[in-house]
Amino acid sequence: MEIATNGRTLKLSGDFDVRSTWEVRAALYDHLAACDGDIVIDLSGVDNVDVTALRVLAVATRRAAGYGRHVQLRGCTGPVRRMLHLSRMARLLEVEPRAISA
């Protein structure tokens, strides 16, 4: 799992699963503490995700909401979107709408 920050965006790349949740959780909470306002988690580089990883995002979203802030998921690939819906986490997480091509 590779984690990079760019302003208010946290970009994740690789497999986001139970093996990387501690690393991502620490980076996410540090990012929430360091940034003012809403943050974006860019998942365009994530190949696979599991329910444990999505729960980390849901808990961080709830924590941010407690401070009046939002966490938005950007660039969700097909496998990520599928797991969001299968796990029913899509109703707990704010996912940026996909652009519709003409």
PDB file of N, CA and C in Angstrom:
ATOM      1  N   MET A   1       0.844  -1.174   0.000  1.00  0.00           N
ATOM      2  CA  MET A   1       0.000   0.000   0.000  1.00  0.00           C
ATOM      3  C   MET A   1       0.885   1.232   0.000  1.00  0.00           C
ATOM      4  N   GLU A   2       0.655   2.084  -0.983  1.00  0.00           N
ATOM      5  CA  GLU A   2       1.355   3.365  -1.041  1.00  0.00           C
ATOM      6  C   GLU A   2       0.365   4.462  -0.675  1.00  0.00           C
ATOM      7  N   ILE A   3       0.835   5.401   0.129  1.00  0.00           N
ATOM      8  CA  ILE A   3      -0.009   6.505   0.593  1.00  0.00           C
ATOM      9  C   ILE A   3       0.725   7.811   0.307  1.00  0.00           C
ATOM     10  N   ALA A   4       0.047   8.727  -0.373  1.00  0.00           N
ATOM     11  CA  ALA A   4       0.631  10.033  -0.684  1.00  0.00           C
ATOM     12  C   ALA A   4      -0.388  11.115  -0.349  1.00  0.00           C
ATOM     13  N   THR A   5       0.110  12.265   0.048  1.00  0.00           N
ATOM     14  CA  THR A   5      -0.774  13.388   0.329  1.00  0.00           C
ATOM     15  C   THR A   5      -0.479  14.519  -0.643  1.00  0.00           C
ATOM     16  N   ASN A   6      -1.544  15.233  -0.980  1.00  0.00           N
ATOM     17  CA  ASN A   6      -1.432  16.396  -1.849  1.00  0.00           C
ATOM     18  C   ASN A   6      -2.523  17.370  -1.423  1.00  0.00           C
ATOM     19  N   GLY A   7      -2.162  18.331  -0.613  1.00  0.00           N
ATOM     20  CA  GLY A   7      -3.170  19.262  -0.103  1.00  0.00           C
ATOM     21  C   GLY A   7      -4.151  18.538   0.786  1.00  0.00           C
ATOM     22  N   ARG A   8      -5.414  18.639   0.449  1.00  0.00           N
ATOM     23  CA  ARG A   8      -6.431  17.976   1.258  1.00  0.00           C
ATOM     24  C   ARG A   8      -6.759  16.571   0.764  1.00  0.00           C
ATOM     25  N   THR A   9      -5.992  16.083  -0.233  1.00  0.00           N
ATOM     26  CA  THR A   9      -6.236  14.765  -0.816  1.00  0.00           C
ATOM     27  C   THR A   9      -5.229  13.745  -0.296  1.00  0.00           C
ATOM     28  N   LEU A  10      -5.750  12.585   0.087  1.00  0.00           N
ATOM     29  CA  LEU A  10      -4.940  11.442   0.492  1.00  0.00           C
ATOM     30  C   LEU A  10      -5.108  10.395  -0.600  1.00  0.00           C
ATOM     31  N   LYS A  11      -4.020  10.061  -1.308  1.00  0.00           N
ATOM     32  CA  LYS A  11      -4.095   9.119  -2.424  1.00  0.00           C
ATOM     33  C   LYS A  11      -3.560   7.763  -1.996  1.00  0.00           C
ATOM     34  N   LEU A  12      -4.390   6.731  -2.189  1.00  0.00           N
ATOM     35  CA  LEU A  12      -4.013   5.363  -1.859  1.00  0.00           C
ATOM     36  C   LEU A  12      -3.790   4.576  -3.135  1.00  0.00           C
ATOM     37  N   SER A  13      -2.769   3.712  -3.132  1.00  0.00           N
ATOM     38  CA  SER A  13      -2.470   2.869  -4.289  1.00  0.00           C
ATOM     39  C   SER A  13      -2.100   1.476  -3.808  1.00  0.00           C
ATOM     40  N   GLY A  14      -2.556   0.464  -4.557  1.00  0.00           N
ATOM     41  CA  GLY A  14      -2.242  -0.924  -4.213  1.00  0.00           C
ATOM     42  C   GLY A  14      -3.467  -1.639  -3.670  1.00  0.00           C
ATOM     43  N   ASP A  15      -3.222  -2.705  -2.913  1.00  0.00           N
ATOM     44  CA  ASP A  15      -4.306  -3.470  -2.296  1.00  0.00           C
ATOM     45  C   ASP A  15      -4.614  -2.878  -0.927  1.00  0.00           C
ATOM     46  N   PHE A  16      -5.858  -2.489  -0.731  1.00  0.00           N
ATOM     47  CA  PHE A  16      -6.311  -1.923   0.541  1.00  0.00           C
ATOM     48  C   PHE A  16      -7.129  -3.007   1.222  1.00  0.00           C
ATOM     49  N   ASP A  17      -6.472  -3.733   2.111  1.00  0.00           N
ATOM     50  CA  ASP A  17      -7.134  -4.838   2.797  1.00  0.00           C
ATOM     51  C   ASP A  17      -6.699  -4.872   4.253  1.00  0.00           C
ATOM     52  N   VAL A  18      -7.046  -5.943   4.935  1.00  0.00           N
ATOM     53  CA  VAL A  18      -6.781  -6.048   6.367  1.00  0.00           C
ATOM     54  C   VAL A  18      -5.299  -5.856   6.694  1.00  0.00           C
ATOM     55  N   ARG A  19      -4.421  -6.207   5.783  1.00  0.00           N
ATOM     56  CA  ARG A  19      -2.982  -6.072   6.034  1.00  0.00           C
ATOM     57  C   ARG A  19      -2.514  -4.617   6.051  1.00  0.00           C
ATOM     58  N   SER A  20      -3.252  -3.731   5.416  1.00  0.00           N
ATOM     59  CA  SER A  20      -2.819  -2.332   5.329  1.00  0.00           C
ATOM     60  C   SER A  20      -3.699  -1.372   6.128  1.00  0.00           C
ATOM     61  N   THR A  21      -4.672  -1.879   6.857  1.00  0.00           N
ATOM     62  CA  THR A  21      -5.607  -0.984   7.547  1.00  0.00           C
ATOM     63  C   THR A  21      -4.939  -0.133   8.624  1.00  0.00           C
ATOM     64  N   TRP A  22      -3.978  -0.686   9.369  1.00  0.00           N
ATOM     65  CA  TRP A  22      -3.329   0.113  10.414  1.00  0.00           C
ATOM     66  C   TRP A  22      -2.560   1.271   9.809  1.00  0.00           C
ATOM     67  N   GLU A  23      -1.855   0.991   8.732  1.00  0.00           N
ATOM     68  CA  GLU A  23      -1.073   2.033   8.061  1.00  0.00           C
ATOM     69  C   GLU A  23      -1.978   3.131   7.507  1.00  0.00           C
ATOM     70  N   VAL A  24      -3.064   2.732   6.866  1.00  0.00           N
ATOM     71  CA  VAL A  24      -3.992   3.704   6.288  1.00  0.00           C
ATOM     72  C   VAL A  24      -4.718   4.472   7.388  1.00  0.00           C
ATOM     73  N   ARG A  25      -5.128   3.790   8.429  1.00  0.00           N
ATOM     74  CA  ARG A  25      -5.818   4.458   9.538  1.00  0.00           C
ATOM     75  C   ARG A  25      -4.935   5.544  10.136  1.00  0.00           C
ATOM     76  N   ALA A  26      -3.671   5.225  10.398  1.00  0.00           N
ATOM     77  CA  ALA A  26      -2.750   6.210  10.972  1.00  0.00           C
ATOM     78  C   ALA A  26      -2.576   7.399  10.034  1.00  0.00           C
ATOM     79  N   ALA A  27      -2.383   7.133   8.741  1.00  0.00           N
ATOM     80  CA  ALA A  27      -2.209   8.221   7.770  1.00  0.00           C
ATOM     81  C   ALA A  27      -3.475   9.065   7.659  1.00  0.00           C
ATOM     82  N   LEU A  28      -4.625   8.413   7.682  1.00  0.00           N
ATOM     83  CA  LEU A  28      -5.900   9.122   7.561  1.00  0.00           C
ATOM     84  C   LEU A  28      -6.152  10.021   8.767  1.00  0.00           C
ATOM     85  N   TYR A  29      -5.914   9.512   9.961  1.00  0.00           N
ATOM     86  CA  TYR A  29      -6.132  10.329  11.155  1.00  0.00           C
ATOM     87  C   TYR A  29      -5.123  11.476  11.245  1.00  0.00           C
ATOM     88  N   ASP A  30      -3.882  11.216  10.836  1.00  0.00           N
ATOM     89  CA  ASP A  30      -2.892  12.296  10.784  1.00  0.00           C
ATOM     90  C   ASP A  30      -3.316  13.369   9.790  1.00  0.00           C
ATOM     91  N   HIS A  31      -3.856  12.930   8.645  1.00  0.00           N
ATOM     92  CA  HIS A  31      -4.300  13.862   7.610  1.00  0.00           C
ATOM     93  C   HIS A  31      -5.492  14.682   8.099  1.00  0.00           C
ATOM     94  N   LEU A  32      -6.416  14.038   8.796  1.00  0.00           N
ATOM     95  CA  LEU A  32      -7.561  14.765   9.368  1.00  0.00           C
ATOM     96  C   LEU A  32      -7.092  15.822  10.366  1.00  0.00           C
ATOM     97  N   ALA A  33      -6.086  15.483  11.156  1.00  0.00           N
ATOM     98  CA  ALA A  33      -5.576  16.419  12.153  1.00  0.00           C
ATOM     99  C   ALA A  33      -4.815  17.575  11.512  1.00  0.00           C
ATOM    100  N   ALA A  34      -4.139  17.304  10.400  1.00  0.00           N
ATOM    101  CA  ALA A  34      -3.293  18.318   9.769  1.00  0.00           C
ATOM    102  C   ALA A  34      -4.046  19.264   8.850  1.00  0.00           C
ATOM    103  N   CYS A  35      -5.155  18.817   8.287  1.00  0.00           N
ATOM    104  CA  CYS A  35      -5.897  19.624   7.310  1.00  0.00           C
ATOM    105  C   CYS A  35      -7.120  20.262   7.946  1.00  0.00           C
ATOM    106  N   ASP A  36      -7.378  21.487   7.543  1.00  0.00           N
ATOM    107  CA  ASP A  36      -8.625  22.141   7.931  1.00  0.00           C
ATOM    108  C   ASP A  36      -9.648  21.852   6.851  1.00  0.00           C
ATOM    109  N   GLY A  37     -10.873  21.661   7.239  1.00  0.00           N
ATOM    110  CA  GLY A  37     -11.935  21.442   6.263  1.00  0.00           C
ATOM    111  C   GLY A  37     -12.049  19.991   5.830  1.00  0.00           C
ATOM    112  N   ASP A  38     -12.773  19.809   4.738  1.00  0.00           N
ATOM    113  CA  ASP A  38     -13.069  18.476   4.222  1.00  0.00           C
ATOM    114  C   ASP A  38     -11.841  17.868   3.560  1.00  0.00           C
ATOM    115  N   ILE A  39     -11.814  16.531   3.501  1.00  0.00           N
ATOM    116  CA  ILE A  39     -10.715  15.859   2.824  1.00  0.00           C
ATOM    117  C   ILE A  39     -11.262  14.881   1.782  1.00  0.00           C
ATOM    118  N   VAL A  40     -10.398  14.545   0.848  1.00  0.00           N
ATOM    119  CA  VAL A  40     -10.730  13.617  -0.231  1.00  0.00           C
ATOM    120  C   VAL A  40      -9.778  12.433  -0.137  1.00  0.00           C
ATOM    121  N   ILE A  41     -10.322  11.236  -0.281  1.00  0.00           N
ATOM    122  CA  ILE A  41      -9.499  10.035  -0.345  1.00  0.00           C
ATOM    123  C   ILE A  41      -9.587   9.524  -1.775  1.00  0.00           C
ATOM    124  N   ASP A  42      -8.478   9.580  -2.482  1.00  0.00           N
ATOM    125  CA  ASP A  42      -8.419   9.163  -3.878  1.00  0.00           C
ATOM    126  C   ASP A  42      -8.079   7.675  -3.928  1.00  0.00           C
ATOM    127  N   LEU A  43      -9.033   6.883  -4.406  1.00  0.00           N
ATOM    128  CA  LEU A  43      -8.874   5.434  -4.479  1.00  0.00           C
ATOM    129  C   LEU A  43      -8.634   4.952  -5.903  1.00  0.00           C
ATOM    130  N   SER A  44      -8.311   5.862  -6.817  1.00  0.00           N
ATOM    131  CA  SER A  44      -8.143   5.475  -8.223  1.00  0.00           C
ATOM    132  C   SER A  44      -7.003   4.478  -8.425  1.00  0.00           C
ATOM    133  N   GLY A  45      -6.052   4.429  -7.501  1.00  0.00           N
ATOM    134  CA  GLY A  45      -4.943   3.497  -7.616  1.00  0.00           C
ATOM    135  C   GLY A  45      -5.128   2.215  -6.819  1.00  0.00           C
ATOM    136  N   VAL A  46      -6.306   2.047  -6.209  1.00  0.00           N
ATOM    137  CA  VAL A  46      -6.566   0.858  -5.394  1.00  0.00           C
ATOM    138  C   VAL A  46      -7.113  -0.248  -6.290  1.00  0.00           C
ATOM    139  N   ASP A  47      -6.411  -1.384  -6.270  1.00  0.00           N
ATOM    140  CA  ASP A  47      -6.807  -2.519  -7.100  1.00  0.00           C
ATOM    141  C   ASP A  47      -7.884  -3.367  -6.441  1.00  0.00           C
ATOM    142  N   ASN A  48      -7.716  -3.634  -5.155  1.00  0.00           N
ATOM    143  CA  ASN A  48      -8.653  -4.465  -4.398  1.00  0.00           C
ATOM    144  C   ASN A  48      -8.902  -3.838  -3.041  1.00  0.00           C
ATOM    145  N   VAL A  49     -10.089  -4.085  -2.513  1.00  0.00           N
ATOM    146  CA  VAL A  49     -10.459  -3.574  -1.192  1.00  0.00           C
ATOM    147  C   VAL A  49     -11.299  -4.642  -0.506  1.00  0.00           C
ATOM    148  N   ASP A  50     -11.214  -4.715   0.818  1.00  0.00           N
ATOM    149  CA  ASP A  50     -12.079  -5.633   1.548  1.00  0.00           C
ATOM    150  C   ASP A  50     -12.928  -4.859   2.554  1.00  0.00           C
ATOM    151  N   VAL A  51     -13.816  -5.579   3.222  1.00  0.00           N
ATOM    152  CA  VAL A  51     -14.764  -4.938   4.132  1.00  0.00           C
ATOM    153  C   VAL A  51     -14.051  -4.281   5.310  1.00  0.00           C
ATOM    154  N   THR A  52     -13.004  -4.886   5.804  1.00  0.00           N
ATOM    155  CA  THR A  52     -12.262  -4.297   6.921  1.00  0.00           C
ATOM    156  C   THR A  52     -11.716  -2.924   6.540  1.00  0.00           C
ATOM    157  N   ALA A  53     -11.190  -2.810   5.343  1.00  0.00           N
ATOM    158  CA  ALA A  53     -10.667  -1.529   4.863  1.00  0.00           C
ATOM    159  C   ALA A  53     -11.778  -0.499   4.741  1.00  0.00           C
ATOM    160  N   LEU A  54     -12.923  -0.913   4.231  1.00  0.00           N
ATOM    161  CA  LEU A  54     -14.046   0.018   4.102  1.00  0.00           C
ATOM    162  C   LEU A  54     -14.541   0.476   5.464  1.00  0.00           C
ATOM    163  N   ARG A  55     -14.465  -0.390   6.447  1.00  0.00           N
ATOM    164  CA  ARG A  55     -14.866   0.005   7.802  1.00  0.00           C
ATOM    165  C   ARG A  55     -13.941   1.083   8.354  1.00  0.00           C
ATOM    166  N   VAL A  56     -12.653   1.006   8.032  1.00  0.00           N
ATOM    167  CA  VAL A  56     -11.710   2.049   8.450  1.00  0.00           C
ATOM    168  C   VAL A  56     -12.157   3.395   7.883  1.00  0.00           C
ATOM    169  N   LEU A  57     -12.555   3.401   6.611  1.00  0.00           N
ATOM    170  CA  LEU A  57     -13.024   4.642   5.980  1.00  0.00           C
ATOM    171  C   LEU A  57     -14.316   5.128   6.614  1.00  0.00           C
ATOM    172  N   ALA A  58     -15.219   4.198   6.951  1.00  0.00           N
ATOM    173  CA  ALA A  58     -16.491   4.578   7.560  1.00  0.00           C
ATOM    174  C   ALA A  58     -16.283   5.193   8.944  1.00  0.00           C
ATOM    175  N   VAL A  59     -15.390   4.611   9.735  1.00  0.00           N
ATOM    176  CA  VAL A  59     -15.118   5.155  11.069  1.00  0.00           C
ATOM    177  C   VAL A  59     -14.471   6.536  10.964  1.00  0.00           C
ATOM    178  N   ALA A  60     -13.553   6.702  10.027  1.00  0.00           N
ATOM    179  CA  ALA A  60     -12.923   8.012   9.828  1.00  0.00           C
ATOM    180  C   ALA A  60     -13.950   9.043   9.371  1.00  0.00           C
ATOM    181  N   THR A  61     -14.889   8.625   8.535  1.00  0.00           N
ATOM    182  CA  THR A  61     -15.956   9.513   8.076  1.00  0.00           C
ATOM    183  C   THR A  61     -16.815   9.969   9.244  1.00  0.00           C
ATOM    184  N   ARG A  62     -17.153   9.034  10.110  1.00  0.00           N
ATOM    185  CA  ARG A  62     -17.960   9.378  11.287  1.00  0.00           C
ATOM    186  C   ARG A  62     -17.187  10.310  12.220  1.00  0.00           C
ATOM    187  N   ARG A  63     -15.907  10.045  12.385  1.00  0.00           N
ATOM    188  CA  ARG A  63     -15.069  10.889  13.239  1.00  0.00           C
ATOM    189  C   ARG A  63     -14.996  12.311  12.682  1.00  0.00           C
ATOM    190  N   ALA A  64     -14.801  12.429  11.364  1.00  0.00           N
ATOM    191  CA  ALA A  64     -14.746  13.743  10.728  1.00  0.00           C
ATOM    192  C   ALA A  64     -16.083  14.472  10.876  1.00  0.00           C
ATOM    193  N   ALA A  65     -17.184  13.747  10.725  1.00  0.00           N
ATOM    194  CA  ALA A  65     -18.515  14.350  10.848  1.00  0.00           C
ATOM    195  C   ALA A  65     -18.727  14.925  12.247  1.00  0.00           C
ATOM    196  N   GLY A  66     -18.129  14.304  13.237  1.00  0.00           N
ATOM    197  CA  GLY A  66     -18.223  14.813  14.604  1.00  0.00           C
ATOM    198  C   GLY A  66     -17.604  16.192  14.751  1.00  0.00           C
ATOM    199  N   TYR A  67     -16.687  16.527  13.845  1.00  0.00           N
ATOM    200  CA  TYR A  67     -16.062  17.845  13.834  1.00  0.00           C
ATOM    201  C   TYR A  67     -16.644  18.745  12.750  1.00  0.00           C
ATOM    202  N   GLY A  68     -17.768  18.316  12.148  1.00  0.00           N
ATOM    203  CA  GLY A  68     -18.412  19.123  11.116  1.00  0.00           C
ATOM    204  C   GLY A  68     -17.694  19.083   9.777  1.00  0.00           C
ATOM    205  N   ARG A  69     -16.939  18.034   9.524  1.00  0.00           N
ATOM    206  CA  ARG A  69     -16.179  17.915   8.280  1.00  0.00           C
ATOM    207  C   ARG A  69     -16.661  16.707   7.487  1.00  0.00           C
ATOM    208  N   HIS A  70     -16.273  16.662   6.224  1.00  0.00           N
ATOM    209  CA  HIS A  70     -16.661  15.556   5.348  1.00  0.00           C
ATOM    210  C   HIS A  70     -15.434  14.840   4.812  1.00  0.00           C
ATOM    211  N   VAL A  71     -15.621  13.545   4.563  1.00  0.00           N
ATOM    212  CA  VAL A  71     -14.623  12.734   3.867  1.00  0.00           C
ATOM    213  C   VAL A  71     -15.308  12.220   2.606  1.00  0.00           C
ATOM    214  N   GLN A  72     -14.703  12.469   1.461  1.00  0.00           N
ATOM    215  CA  GLN A  72     -15.288  12.031   0.193  1.00  0.00           C
ATOM    216  C   GLN A  72     -14.322  11.089  -0.509  1.00  0.00           C
ATOM    217  N   LEU A  73     -14.873   9.989  -1.042  1.00  0.00           N
ATOM    218  CA  LEU A  73     -14.080   9.036  -1.804  1.00  0.00           C
ATOM    219  C   LEU A  73     -14.105   9.433  -3.268  1.00  0.00           C
ATOM    220  N   ARG A  74     -12.934   9.440  -3.901  1.00  0.00           N
ATOM    221  CA  ARG A  74     -12.819   9.833  -5.301  1.00  0.00           C
ATOM    222  C   ARG A  74     -12.133   8.702  -6.075  1.00  0.00           C
ATOM    223  N   GLY A  75     -12.517   8.563  -7.329  1.00  0.00           N
ATOM    224  CA  GLY A  75     -11.825   7.640  -8.225  1.00  0.00           C
ATOM    225  C   GLY A  75     -12.036   6.174  -7.902  1.00  0.00           C
ATOM    226  N   CYS A  76     -13.205   5.830  -7.389  1.00  0.00           N
ATOM    227  CA  CYS A  76     -13.470   4.431  -7.045  1.00  0.00           C
ATOM    228  C   CYS A  76     -13.532   3.572  -8.312  1.00  0.00           C
ATOM    229  N   THR A  77     -12.680   2.571  -8.374  1.00  0.00           N
ATOM    230  CA  THR A  77     -12.662   1.655  -9.516  1.00  0.00           C
ATOM    231  C   THR A  77     -13.836   0.681  -9.415  1.00  0.00           C
ATOM    232  N   GLY A  78     -14.028  -0.092 -10.458  1.00  0.00           N
ATOM    233  CA  GLY A  78     -15.115  -1.071 -10.478  1.00  0.00           C
ATOM    234  C   GLY A  78     -15.111  -2.006  -9.277  1.00  0.00           C
ATOM    235  N   PRO A  79     -13.967  -2.647  -8.961  1.00  0.00           N
ATOM    236  CA  PRO A  79     -13.945  -3.547  -7.803  1.00  0.00           C
ATOM    237  C   PRO A  79     -14.242  -2.833  -6.479  1.00  0.00           C
ATOM    238  N   VAL A  80     -13.793  -1.597  -6.343  1.00  0.00           N
ATOM    239  CA  VAL A  80     -14.063  -0.845  -5.118  1.00  0.00           C
ATOM    240  C   VAL A  80     -15.553  -0.527  -5.023  1.00  0.00           C
ATOM    241  N   ARG A  81     -16.136  -0.059  -6.111  1.00  0.00           N
ATOM    242  CA  ARG A  81     -17.582   0.237  -6.115  1.00  0.00           C
ATOM    243  C   ARG A  81     -18.418  -1.015  -5.842  1.00  0.00           C
ATOM    244  N   ARG A  82     -18.004  -2.127  -6.407  1.00  0.00           N
ATOM    245  CA  ARG A  82     -18.727  -3.381  -6.197  1.00  0.00           C
ATOM    246  C   ARG A  82     -18.710  -3.753  -4.713  1.00  0.00           C
ATOM    247  N   MET A  83     -17.545  -3.660  -4.075  1.00  0.00           N
ATOM    248  CA  MET A  83     -17.450  -3.999  -2.658  1.00  0.00           C
ATOM    249  C   MET A  83     -18.213  -2.996  -1.795  1.00  0.00           C
ATOM    250  N   LEU A  84     -18.218  -1.725  -2.184  1.00  0.00           N
ATOM    251  CA  LEU A  84     -19.010  -0.728  -1.456  1.00  0.00           C
ATOM    252  C   LEU A  84     -20.487  -1.117  -1.436  1.00  0.00           C
ATOM    253  N   HIS A  85     -20.977  -1.601  -2.552  1.00  0.00           N
ATOM    254  CA  HIS A  85     -22.396  -1.964  -2.626  1.00  0.00           C
ATOM    255  C   HIS A  85     -22.681  -3.309  -1.981  1.00  0.00           C
ATOM    256  N   LEU A  86     -21.813  -4.295  -2.197  1.00  0.00           N
ATOM    257  CA  LEU A  86     -22.021  -5.610  -1.586  1.00  0.00           C
ATOM    258  C   LEU A  86     -21.980  -5.547  -0.066  1.00  0.00           C
ATOM    259  N   SER A  87     -21.107  -4.722   0.468  1.00  0.00           N
ATOM    260  CA  SER A  87     -20.960  -4.595   1.921  1.00  0.00           C
ATOM    261  C   SER A  87     -21.963  -3.612   2.523  1.00  0.00           C
ATOM    262  N   ARG A  88     -22.665  -2.906   1.656  1.00  0.00           N
ATOM    263  CA  ARG A  88     -23.627  -1.865   2.054  1.00  0.00           C
ATOM    264  C   ARG A  88     -22.948  -0.661   2.725  1.00  0.00           C
ATOM    265  N   MET A  89     -21.659  -0.532   2.501  1.00  0.00           N
ATOM    266  CA  MET A  89     -20.923   0.618   3.027  1.00  0.00           C
ATOM    267  C   MET A  89     -21.168   1.864   2.186  1.00  0.00           C
ATOM    268  N   ALA A  90     -21.722   1.696   1.001  1.00  0.00           N
ATOM    269  CA  ALA A  90     -21.995   2.845   0.130  1.00  0.00           C
ATOM    270  C   ALA A  90     -22.958   3.826   0.801  1.00  0.00           C
ATOM    271  N   ARG A  91     -23.797   3.335   1.695  1.00  0.00           N
ATOM    272  CA  ARG A  91     -24.736   4.237   2.367  1.00  0.00           C
ATOM    273  C   ARG A  91     -24.092   4.991   3.522  1.00  0.00           C
ATOM    274  N   LEU A  92     -22.897   4.553   3.943  1.00  0.00           N
ATOM    275  CA  LEU A  92     -22.193   5.222   5.038  1.00  0.00           C
ATOM    276  C   LEU A  92     -21.087   6.156   4.562  1.00  0.00           C
ATOM    277  N   LEU A  93     -20.663   5.968   3.311  1.00  0.00           N
ATOM    278  CA  LEU A  93     -19.536   6.719   2.778  1.00  0.00           C
ATOM    279  C   LEU A  93     -19.986   7.622   1.637  1.00  0.00           C
ATOM    280  N   GLU A  94     -19.394   8.788   1.568  1.00  0.00           N
ATOM    281  CA  GLU A  94     -19.717   9.734   0.503  1.00  0.00           C
ATOM    282  C   GLU A  94     -18.789   9.463  -0.678  1.00  0.00           C
ATOM    283  N   VAL A  95     -19.376   9.018  -1.794  1.00  0.00           N
ATOM    284  CA  VAL A  95     -18.601   8.675  -2.975  1.00  0.00           C
ATOM    285  C   VAL A  95     -18.851   9.726  -4.047  1.00  0.00           C
ATOM    286  N   GLU A  96     -17.770  10.273  -4.577  1.00  0.00           N
ATOM    287  CA  GLU A  96     -17.893  11.262  -5.656  1.00  0.00           C
ATOM    288  C   GLU A  96     -18.539  10.591  -6.870  1.00  0.00           C
ATOM    289  N   PRO A  97     -19.530  11.237  -7.472  1.00  0.00           N
ATOM    290  CA  PRO A  97     -20.160  10.641  -8.661  1.00  0.00           C
ATOM    291  C   PRO A  97     -19.171  10.493  -9.804  1.00  0.00           C
ATOM    292  N   ARG A  98     -19.371   9.444 -10.573  1.00  0.00           N
ATOM    293  CA  ARG A  98     -18.532   9.221 -11.752  1.00  0.00           C
ATOM    294  C   ARG A  98     -18.940  10.165 -12.856  1.00  0.00           C
ATOM    295  N   ALA A  99     -17.959  10.636 -13.610  1.00  0.00           N
ATOM    296  CA  ALA A  99     -18.249  11.466 -14.773  1.00  0.00           C
ATOM    297  C   ALA A  99     -18.820  10.576 -15.866  1.00  0.00           C
ATOM    298  N   ILE A 100     -19.854  11.036 -16.510  1.00  0.00           N
ATOM    299  CA  ILE A 100     -20.490  10.281 -17.593  1.00  0.00           C
ATOM    300  C   ILE A 100     -19.898  10.770 -18.907  1.00  0.00           C
ATOM    301  N   SER A 101     -19.342   9.834 -19.655  1.00  0.00           N
ATOM    302  CA  SER A 101     -18.743  10.230 -20.939  1.00  0.00           C
ATOM    303  C   SER A 101     -19.811  10.389 -21.999  1.00  0.00           C
ATOM    304  N   ALA A 102     -19.556  11.285 -22.938  1.00  0.00           N
ATOM    305  CA  ALA A 102     -20.534  11.594 -23.987  1.00  0.00           C
ATOM    306  C   ALA A 102     -20.484  10.584 -25.104  1.00  0.00           C
TER     307      ALA A 102
END
